[in-house]
Each structure stands twice: as structure tokens, then as C-alpha cells.
Amino acid sequence: MSDVFDEGEVRKSLEMAKEVELQPFEQAVARMAREEGGIDLNDKDIIAIHRVCNLCDEILRKQFNGKSSGK
């Protein structure tokens, strides 16, 4: 995994994601994560982590799809 994700880049992505204004549905997701999931973070931190996880998932998908198609 270390060759796929650079720790510095992930941290930078988290900080950038925290600066973006939250959409109403993201605010609702963050509220649910706190109330129902017991996550003790503020809305921006929860959504920043979610955004970076989605980005990582997209990177892994592209790599997996590239390898499976012989690229």
C-alpha cells in the first residue's frame, strides 16, 4: 500500500478537504456519524475523512481495473 498512497499527500488532501464548504447532505451524514456512529469529531473532519476515503477508493479502483485489463 505504501507505493500507492503517500502519507504526505493523504494529509494534504485531508487539509484541503476540510477547507471546502460542506453541502447539506454532507452535514446530514456528519450528524448521523456523530449521533448514530458515536464518532467524536466535528462535521468538517468527518467529511474530510470521507472525501479522502472516496479519493483513495477511486485510485485503487483505477489501479485494479488497469491491472485486470492487462494495462
Protein backbone atom coordinates (compact mmCIF):
# COMPACT_ATOMS: atom_id res chain seq x y z
CA MET A 1 0.00 0.00 0.00
CA SER A 2 2.84 2.40 0.70
CA ASP A 3 3.66 2.55 -3.01
CA VAL A 4 0.05 3.58 -3.74
CA PHE A 5 -0.56 6.25 -1.09
CA ASP A 6 1.97 8.82 0.07
CA GLU A 7 1.30 9.82 3.69
CA GLY A 8 2.11 13.47 2.96
CA GLU A 9 -0.33 13.54 0.06
CA VAL A 10 -3.08 11.99 2.17
CA ARG A 11 -2.52 14.59 4.91
CA LYS A 12 -2.53 17.39 2.32
CA SER A 13 -5.77 16.03 0.85
CA LEU A 14 -7.35 15.94 4.32
CA GLU A 15 -6.41 19.56 4.99
CA MET A 16 -7.73 20.67 1.59
CA ALA A 17 -10.97 18.74 2.12
CA LYS A 18 -11.51 20.50 5.46
CA GLU A 19 -11.41 23.89 3.72
CA VAL A 20 -14.28 23.11 1.34
CA GLU A 21 -17.76 24.23 2.40
CA LEU A 22 -19.99 21.33 3.39
CA GLN A 23 -23.02 20.52 1.29
CA PRO A 24 -26.35 19.99 3.13
CA PHE A 25 -26.27 16.22 2.57
CA GLU A 26 -22.71 16.09 3.93
CA GLN A 27 -23.83 17.94 7.04
CA ALA A 28 -26.57 15.33 7.48
CA VAL A 29 -24.07 12.47 7.00
CA ALA A 30 -21.71 14.01 9.56
CA ARG A 31 -24.55 14.48 12.04
CA MET A 32 -25.57 10.83 11.62
CA ALA A 33 -21.96 9.70 12.07
CA ARG A 34 -21.76 11.60 15.35
CA GLU A 35 -25.18 10.71 16.71
CA GLU A 36 -25.60 7.14 15.50
CA GLY A 37 -21.99 6.10 14.96
CA GLY A 38 -20.58 7.67 18.10
CA ILE A 39 -17.83 9.44 16.14
CA ASP A 40 -16.40 12.24 18.25
CA LEU A 41 -15.25 14.64 15.50
CA ASN A 42 -16.64 17.86 14.09
CA ASP A 43 -18.55 17.90 10.78
CA LYS A 44 -15.63 19.15 8.67
CA ASP A 45 -13.26 16.46 9.99
CA ILE A 46 -15.79 13.68 9.41
CA ILE A 47 -16.48 14.80 5.84
CA ALA A 48 -12.79 15.43 5.10
CA ILE A 49 -12.02 11.84 6.06
CA HIS A 50 -14.96 10.64 3.96
CA ARG A 51 -13.77 12.62 0.92
CA VAL A 52 -10.22 11.29 1.21
CA CYS A 53 -11.52 7.72 1.59
CA ASN A 54 -13.53 8.18 -1.60
CA LEU A 55 -10.43 9.50 -3.37
CA CYS A 56 -8.37 6.52 -2.17
CA ASP A 57 -11.12 4.15 -3.29
CA GLU A 58 -11.11 5.75 -6.74
CA ILE A 59 -7.31 5.39 -7.00
CA LEU A 60 -7.46 1.72 -6.02
CA ARG A 61 -10.29 1.05 -8.46
CA LYS A 62 -8.34 2.60 -11.33
CA GLN A 63 -5.25 0.56 -10.44
CA PHE A 64 -7.24 -2.65 -10.10
CA ASN A 65 -9.12 -2.08 -13.35
CA GLY A 66 -5.90 -1.24 -15.15
CA LYS A 67 -4.21 -4.46 -13.98
CA SER A 68 -7.21 -6.67 -14.71
CA SER A 69 -7.49 -5.38 -18.27
CA GLY A 70 -3.83 -6.07 -18.98
CA LYS A 71 -2.70 -2.42 -18.93
